[in-house]
Amino acid sequence: MTKQDLLEKIEARKQEITAEESKLAEFREKVAAFIEDIKSRSAVYALVKNLSIWKQLENLIGGD
């Protein structure tokens, strides 16, 4: 394997990582928007706020 081959593989992997980071950021934004939307609906929020999965979602997004 030549140095050029390695550099090409490194560049391809960098592009893959950038694409994955972009998808993750978009997903995070959507989850954060979803959490805020649910919080604005008091009846729904009262039902879900004590669920362990809800608490995990808030922790992942950095909510309180």
N, C-alpha and C. Protein backbone atom coordinates (compact mmCIF):
# COMPACT_ATOMS: atom_id res chain seq x y z
N MET A 1 0.86 -1.17 0.00
CA MET A 1 0.00 0.00 0.00
C MET A 1 0.91 1.24 0.00
N THR A 2 0.59 2.13 -0.88
CA THR A 2 1.42 3.32 -1.00
C THR A 2 0.90 4.43 -0.09
N LYS A 3 1.74 5.43 0.04
CA LYS A 3 1.36 6.59 0.84
C LYS A 3 0.13 7.27 0.25
N GLN A 4 0.06 7.33 -1.06
CA GLN A 4 -1.08 7.95 -1.74
C GLN A 4 -2.37 7.18 -1.45
N ASP A 5 -2.28 5.85 -1.45
CA ASP A 5 -3.45 5.03 -1.12
C ASP A 5 -3.94 5.33 0.29
N LEU A 6 -3.01 5.43 1.22
CA LEU A 6 -3.37 5.73 2.61
C LEU A 6 -4.01 7.11 2.73
N LEU A 7 -3.45 8.09 2.05
CA LEU A 7 -4.00 9.43 2.09
C LEU A 7 -5.42 9.47 1.51
N GLU A 8 -5.64 8.71 0.45
CA GLU A 8 -6.98 8.64 -0.14
C GLU A 8 -7.97 8.00 0.83
N LYS A 9 -7.54 6.94 1.51
CA LYS A 9 -8.41 6.29 2.50
C LYS A 9 -8.71 7.23 3.66
N ILE A 10 -7.72 7.97 4.09
CA ILE A 10 -7.91 8.92 5.18
C ILE A 10 -8.91 9.99 4.77
N GLU A 11 -8.76 10.51 3.58
CA GLU A 11 -9.68 11.55 3.09
C GLU A 11 -11.10 11.02 2.96
N ALA A 12 -11.24 9.80 2.47
CA ALA A 12 -12.57 9.19 2.34
C ALA A 12 -13.21 9.02 3.72
N ARG A 13 -12.42 8.59 4.68
CA ARG A 13 -12.95 8.39 6.03
C ARG A 13 -13.33 9.73 6.67
N LYS A 14 -12.54 10.76 6.43
CA LYS A 14 -12.88 12.10 6.93
C LYS A 14 -14.22 12.55 6.38
N GLN A 15 -14.46 12.30 5.11
CA GLN A 15 -15.73 12.67 4.50
C GLN A 15 -16.89 11.89 5.11
N GLU A 16 -16.67 10.59 5.38
CA GLU A 16 -17.70 9.77 6.01
C GLU A 16 -18.03 10.31 7.41
N ILE A 17 -17.01 10.64 8.16
CA ILE A 17 -17.20 11.16 9.52
C ILE A 17 -17.95 12.49 9.49
N THR A 18 -17.60 13.35 8.56
CA THR A 18 -18.28 14.63 8.43
C THR A 18 -19.75 14.43 8.11
N ALA A 19 -20.04 13.50 7.22
CA ALA A 19 -21.44 13.22 6.86
C ALA A 19 -22.20 12.66 8.05
N GLU A 20 -21.57 11.76 8.81
CA GLU A 20 -22.21 11.19 9.99
C GLU A 20 -22.46 12.25 11.06
N GLU A 21 -21.50 13.14 11.25
CA GLU A 21 -21.67 14.22 12.22
C GLU A 21 -22.82 15.13 11.83
N SER A 22 -22.93 15.39 10.54
CA SER A 22 -24.02 16.23 10.04
C SER A 22 -25.37 15.58 10.31
N LYS A 23 -25.48 14.30 10.03
CA LYS A 23 -26.73 13.57 10.29
C LYS A 23 -27.06 13.56 11.78
N LEU A 24 -26.05 13.37 12.60
CA LEU A 24 -26.25 13.35 14.04
C LEU A 24 -26.71 14.71 14.55
N ALA A 25 -26.14 15.78 14.05
CA ALA A 25 -26.53 17.12 14.45
C ALA A 25 -27.98 17.40 14.05
N GLU A 26 -28.35 16.97 12.86
CA GLU A 26 -29.73 17.15 12.40
C GLU A 26 -30.70 16.36 13.27
N PHE A 27 -30.34 15.13 13.61
CA PHE A 27 -31.17 14.31 14.47
C PHE A 27 -31.32 14.94 15.85
N ARG A 28 -30.22 15.43 16.38
CA ARG A 28 -30.24 16.07 17.70
C ARG A 28 -31.17 17.28 17.70
N GLU A 29 -31.10 18.08 16.65
CA GLU A 29 -31.98 19.26 16.54
C GLU A 29 -33.45 18.85 16.51
N LYS A 30 -33.74 17.79 15.77
CA LYS A 30 -35.13 17.32 15.69
C LYS A 30 -35.62 16.79 17.02
N VAL A 31 -34.79 16.06 17.74
CA VAL A 31 -35.18 15.55 19.05
C VAL A 31 -35.37 16.70 20.03
N ALA A 32 -34.49 17.68 19.99
CA ALA A 32 -34.63 18.85 20.86
C ALA A 32 -35.93 19.60 20.57
N ALA A 33 -36.26 19.76 19.29
CA ALA A 33 -37.50 20.42 18.92
C ALA A 33 -38.71 19.61 19.39
N PHE A 34 -38.61 18.29 19.27
CA PHE A 34 -39.69 17.42 19.73
C PHE A 34 -39.90 17.57 21.24
N ILE A 35 -38.81 17.58 21.99
CA ILE A 35 -38.90 17.73 23.45
C ILE A 35 -39.55 19.06 23.81
N GLU A 36 -39.12 20.12 23.17
CA GLU A 36 -39.70 21.43 23.45
C GLU A 36 -41.17 21.49 23.07
N ASP A 37 -41.54 20.83 21.99
CA ASP A 37 -42.94 20.80 21.58
C ASP A 37 -43.79 20.07 22.62
N ILE A 38 -43.30 18.94 23.09
CA ILE A 38 -44.04 18.18 24.11
C ILE A 38 -44.15 19.00 25.40
N LYS A 39 -43.08 19.67 25.77
CA LYS A 39 -43.12 20.49 26.99
C LYS A 39 -44.15 21.61 26.88
N SER A 40 -44.39 22.09 25.67
CA SER A 40 -45.35 23.17 25.49
C SER A 40 -46.80 22.67 25.56
N ARG A 41 -46.97 21.39 25.51
CA ARG A 41 -48.31 20.78 25.60
C ARG A 41 -48.46 20.20 27.00
N SER A 42 -48.99 21.00 27.90
CA SER A 42 -48.97 20.65 29.32
C SER A 42 -49.63 19.32 29.64
N ALA A 43 -50.73 18.98 28.99
CA ALA A 43 -51.40 17.71 29.28
C ALA A 43 -50.54 16.52 28.88
N VAL A 44 -49.92 16.61 27.72
CA VAL A 44 -49.06 15.52 27.24
C VAL A 44 -47.80 15.45 28.10
N TYR A 45 -47.22 16.60 28.38
CA TYR A 45 -45.99 16.63 29.18
C TYR A 45 -46.22 16.04 30.56
N ALA A 46 -47.37 16.31 31.14
CA ALA A 46 -47.68 15.77 32.47
C ALA A 46 -47.70 14.24 32.43
N LEU A 47 -48.08 13.67 31.30
CA LEU A 47 -48.14 12.21 31.18
C LEU A 47 -46.76 11.58 30.96
N VAL A 48 -45.89 12.26 30.25
CA VAL A 48 -44.62 11.64 29.87
C VAL A 48 -43.41 12.06 30.71
N LYS A 49 -43.53 13.13 31.46
CA LYS A 49 -42.33 13.69 32.12
C LYS A 49 -41.69 12.75 33.13
N ASN A 50 -42.41 11.79 33.66
CA ASN A 50 -41.84 10.88 34.64
C ASN A 50 -41.41 9.54 34.05
N LEU A 51 -41.59 9.37 32.76
CA LEU A 51 -41.13 8.14 32.12
C LEU A 51 -39.61 8.13 32.04
N SER A 52 -39.02 6.97 32.27
CA SER A 52 -37.56 6.90 32.24
C SER A 52 -37.00 7.23 30.86
N ILE A 53 -37.70 6.83 29.81
CA ILE A 53 -37.22 7.14 28.46
C ILE A 53 -37.24 8.64 28.21
N TRP A 54 -38.22 9.33 28.76
CA TRP A 54 -38.30 10.79 28.60
C TRP A 54 -37.11 11.44 29.30
N LYS A 55 -36.82 10.98 30.49
CA LYS A 55 -35.69 11.54 31.24
C LYS A 55 -34.38 11.29 30.50
N GLN A 56 -34.25 10.11 29.88
CA GLN A 56 -33.04 9.81 29.12
C GLN A 56 -32.92 10.72 27.91
N LEU A 57 -34.04 10.95 27.23
CA LEU A 57 -34.01 11.85 26.08
C LEU A 57 -33.58 13.25 26.49
N GLU A 58 -34.15 13.75 27.58
CA GLU A 58 -33.77 15.08 28.04
C GLU A 58 -32.29 15.14 28.41
N ASN A 59 -31.79 14.09 29.05
CA ASN A 59 -30.37 14.07 29.41
C ASN A 59 -29.48 14.03 28.18
N LEU A 60 -29.88 13.28 27.17
CA LEU A 60 -29.07 13.20 25.95
C LEU A 60 -28.99 14.55 25.24
N ILE A 61 -30.08 15.29 25.28
CA ILE A 61 -30.12 16.58 24.60
C ILE A 61 -29.54 17.69 25.48
N GLY A 62 -29.45 17.41 26.76
CA GLY A 62 -28.90 18.42 27.66
C GLY A 62 -29.97 19.23 28.33
N GLY A 63 -31.18 18.71 28.37
CA GLY A 63 -32.26 19.42 29.04
C GLY A 63 -32.17 19.30 30.54
N ASP A 64 -33.10 19.99 31.22
CA ASP A 64 -33.07 19.96 32.69
C ASP A 64 -33.87 18.85 33.27
